[in-house]
Amino acid sequence: MADEATTTTEDSTTDTTATDADTSTADTTTATESAQTTKTEDDGTDWKAEARKWEARAKDNSKAAKELGDLKKSQMTEQQKLEAAAAEAATRAEAAERRAALAEAAIAHGLTKDDLELLDGVPADQIEDRAKKLAARLKKAAPPAASGGEASGDRSKRKPTTLEGAVGAYYSQ
């Protein structure tokens, strides 16, 4: 029995030591995290001033880039200027052709602006085919018209709008 008591005492001492070591590690980790948090909060940086500084640098860089572009333009030969103008004109012509194709497709197939957004990025020569497919899919997905409505042209099954019409409709059945 004396041996059992000694074993129990040794086990509890070991458990206490292990718990103390875990607590010590946790305290050290918490202290380190607190120090890092305090350091980032108290580093004394004026972020608004930093933002203003970088904004000013960006504006200066923008002005410098514009001046560089103007300088390059002034140093271009006439041939290079003509080539640049031709490339710009070709780009604008392609954009106009694409807008025209979208407008024609919208009119021909009854597409809305939201429907045309689905054709964004499609080359101008493929817009007509894709618009036709889109219109067909939209017609398939559209819910059927309610029977008896004005859209179907059947006026005999319309709901009456007056009391007299309601009474007449009731007794006519």
Protein backbone atom coordinates (compact mmCIF):
# COMPACT_ATOMS: atom_id res chain seq x y z
CA MET A 1 0.00 0.00 0.00
CA ALA A 2 2.82 2.37 0.74
CA ASP A 3 4.15 1.71 -2.75
CA GLU A 4 0.78 2.61 -4.27
CA ALA A 5 0.71 5.96 -2.40
CA THR A 6 4.21 6.80 -3.60
CA THR A 7 3.29 5.93 -7.20
CA THR A 8 0.18 8.14 -7.02
CA THR A 9 2.21 11.04 -5.65
CA GLU A 10 4.82 10.66 -8.39
CA ASP A 11 2.09 10.53 -11.09
CA SER A 12 0.42 13.70 -9.82
CA THR A 13 3.79 15.48 -9.69
CA THR A 14 4.49 14.49 -13.28
CA ASP A 15 1.02 15.69 -14.37
CA THR A 16 1.51 19.02 -12.61
CA THR A 17 4.91 19.52 -14.26
CA ALA A 18 3.50 18.76 -17.70
CA THR A 19 0.61 21.19 -17.14
CA ASP A 20 3.04 23.90 -15.99
CA ALA A 21 5.14 23.42 -19.13
CA ASP A 22 2.05 23.73 -21.38
CA THR A 23 0.91 26.87 -19.54
CA SER A 24 4.39 28.37 -19.81
CA THR A 25 4.46 27.77 -23.57
CA ALA A 26 0.98 29.27 -23.95
CA ASP A 27 1.98 32.33 -21.91
CA THR A 28 5.10 32.82 -24.03
CA THR A 29 3.07 32.56 -27.27
CA THR A 30 0.46 35.01 -25.98
CA ALA A 31 3.16 37.44 -24.86
CA THR A 32 4.82 37.27 -28.28
CA GLU A 33 1.52 37.89 -30.09
CA SER A 34 0.76 40.81 -27.79
CA ALA A 35 4.18 42.33 -28.45
CA GLN A 36 3.69 42.03 -32.21
CA THR A 37 0.22 43.57 -32.02
CA THR A 38 1.50 46.43 -29.88
CA LYS A 39 4.43 46.98 -32.24
CA THR A 40 2.15 47.28 -35.29
CA GLU A 41 -0.28 49.55 -33.46
CA ASP A 42 2.41 51.78 -31.96
CA ASP A 43 4.90 51.98 -34.82
CA GLY A 44 4.11 55.69 -35.17
CA THR A 45 3.43 55.66 -38.91
CA ASP A 46 1.11 58.37 -40.16
CA TRP A 47 -0.70 56.41 -42.87
CA LYS A 48 -2.51 59.43 -44.27
CA ALA A 49 0.80 61.20 -44.81
CA GLU A 50 2.21 58.07 -46.47
CA ALA A 51 -0.83 57.88 -48.74
CA ARG A 52 -0.47 61.54 -49.70
CA LYS A 53 3.24 61.01 -50.43
CA TRP A 54 2.58 58.06 -52.77
CA GLU A 55 -0.32 59.86 -54.43
CA ALA A 56 1.97 62.81 -55.20
CA ARG A 57 4.58 60.44 -56.62
CA ALA A 58 1.95 58.79 -58.82
CA LYS A 59 0.84 62.18 -60.16
CA ASP A 60 4.44 63.13 -60.91
CA ASN A 61 4.98 59.81 -62.69
CA SER A 62 1.79 60.37 -64.70
CA LYS A 63 2.99 63.79 -65.84
CA ALA A 64 6.41 62.37 -66.72
CA ALA A 65 4.83 59.55 -68.74
CA LYS A 66 2.68 62.03 -70.64
CA GLU A 67 5.72 64.20 -71.40
CA LEU A 68 7.64 61.14 -72.58
CA GLY A 69 4.78 60.18 -74.89
CA ASP A 70 4.66 63.70 -76.32
CA LEU A 71 8.43 63.65 -76.83
CA LYS A 72 8.25 60.30 -78.65
CA LYS A 73 5.46 61.62 -80.87
CA SER A 74 7.46 64.69 -81.78
CA GLN A 75 10.46 62.56 -82.71
CA MET A 76 8.47 60.21 -84.94
CA THR A 77 9.02 60.34 -88.66
CA GLU A 78 6.11 61.17 -90.94
CA GLN A 79 5.89 57.51 -91.96
CA GLN A 80 5.60 56.38 -88.32
CA LYS A 81 2.93 59.02 -87.65
CA LEU A 82 0.93 57.81 -90.65
CA GLU A 83 1.26 54.17 -89.54
CA ALA A 84 0.08 55.04 -86.01
CA ALA A 85 -2.88 56.99 -87.39
CA ALA A 86 -3.79 54.09 -89.70
CA ALA A 87 -3.66 51.61 -86.82
CA GLU A 88 -5.87 53.85 -84.69
CA ALA A 89 -8.34 54.27 -87.56
CA ALA A 90 -8.47 50.50 -88.09
CA THR A 91 -9.19 49.93 -84.40
CA ARG A 92 -11.99 52.49 -84.43
CA ALA A 93 -13.44 50.98 -87.63
CA GLU A 94 -13.49 47.50 -86.08
CA ALA A 95 -15.28 48.85 -83.00
CA ALA A 96 -17.84 50.64 -85.18
CA GLU A 97 -18.40 47.50 -87.25
CA ARG A 98 -18.97 45.49 -84.09
CA ARG A 99 -21.46 48.01 -82.69
CA ALA A 100 -23.34 48.01 -86.01
CA ALA A 101 -23.48 44.20 -86.05
CA LEU A 102 -24.84 44.18 -82.48
CA ALA A 103 -27.51 46.75 -83.37
CA GLU A 104 -28.58 44.79 -86.45
CA ALA A 105 -28.75 41.56 -84.46
CA ALA A 106 -30.79 43.20 -81.72
CA ILE A 107 -33.31 44.54 -84.22
CA ALA A 108 -33.49 41.36 -86.31
CA HIS A 109 -33.90 38.97 -83.37
CA GLY A 110 -35.64 41.16 -80.78
CA LEU A 111 -32.79 41.11 -78.26
CA THR A 112 -32.51 43.53 -75.36
CA LYS A 113 -29.39 45.27 -74.07
CA ASP A 114 -29.10 42.63 -71.36
CA ASP A 115 -29.21 39.91 -74.02
CA LEU A 116 -26.54 41.70 -76.04
CA GLU A 117 -24.22 41.68 -73.02
CA LEU A 118 -24.02 37.92 -73.50
CA LEU A 119 -22.47 38.59 -76.92
CA ASP A 120 -19.71 40.73 -75.44
CA GLY A 121 -16.32 39.71 -76.81
CA VAL A 122 -17.76 37.93 -79.84
CA PRO A 123 -16.09 38.92 -83.13
CA ALA A 124 -18.25 41.04 -85.47
CA ASP A 125 -18.46 38.32 -88.13
CA GLN A 126 -19.92 35.82 -85.64
CA ILE A 127 -22.47 38.09 -83.94
CA GLU A 128 -25.35 37.30 -86.33
CA ASP A 129 -25.07 33.52 -85.87
CA ARG A 130 -24.76 33.73 -82.11
CA ALA A 131 -27.62 36.22 -81.84
CA LYS A 132 -29.83 33.83 -83.81
CA LYS A 133 -28.95 30.97 -81.44
CA LEU A 134 -29.49 33.17 -78.39
CA ALA A 135 -32.92 34.30 -79.63
CA ALA A 136 -33.92 30.67 -80.24
CA ARG A 137 -32.86 29.67 -76.73
CA LEU A 138 -34.70 32.60 -75.19
CA LYS A 139 -37.89 31.62 -77.04
CA LYS A 140 -37.59 28.05 -75.76
CA ALA A 141 -36.98 29.23 -72.20
CA ALA A 142 -39.82 31.77 -72.19
CA PRO A 143 -42.91 30.65 -70.27
CA PRO A 144 -45.96 30.00 -72.47
CA ALA A 145 -48.50 32.82 -72.67
CA ALA A 146 -51.45 32.46 -70.31
CA SER A 147 -54.56 31.27 -72.15
CA GLY A 148 -57.45 33.66 -72.31
CA GLY A 149 -55.28 36.75 -72.16
CA GLU A 150 -55.13 39.56 -74.67
CA ALA A 151 -51.90 38.16 -76.07
CA SER A 152 -53.69 35.09 -77.41
CA GLY A 153 -56.57 37.12 -78.88
CA ASP A 154 -59.28 35.04 -77.18
CA ARG A 155 -61.64 37.63 -75.69
CA SER A 156 -64.48 35.25 -74.79
CA LYS A 157 -62.74 33.92 -71.66
CA ARG A 158 -61.71 37.29 -70.21
CA LYS A 159 -62.59 37.96 -66.61
CA PRO A 160 -65.34 40.52 -66.18
CA THR A 161 -64.37 43.86 -64.68
CA THR A 162 -67.80 45.03 -63.48
CA LEU A 163 -70.42 43.55 -61.16
CA GLU A 164 -72.92 43.31 -64.00
CA GLY A 165 -70.40 41.43 -66.14
CA ALA A 166 -69.60 39.05 -63.27
CA VAL A 167 -73.27 38.24 -62.66
CA GLY A 168 -73.84 37.72 -66.39
CA ALA A 169 -70.82 35.43 -66.63
CA TYR A 170 -72.00 33.41 -63.62
CA TYR A 171 -75.47 32.76 -65.01
CA SER A 172 -74.25 32.08 -68.55
CA GLN A 173 -72.39 28.95 -67.46
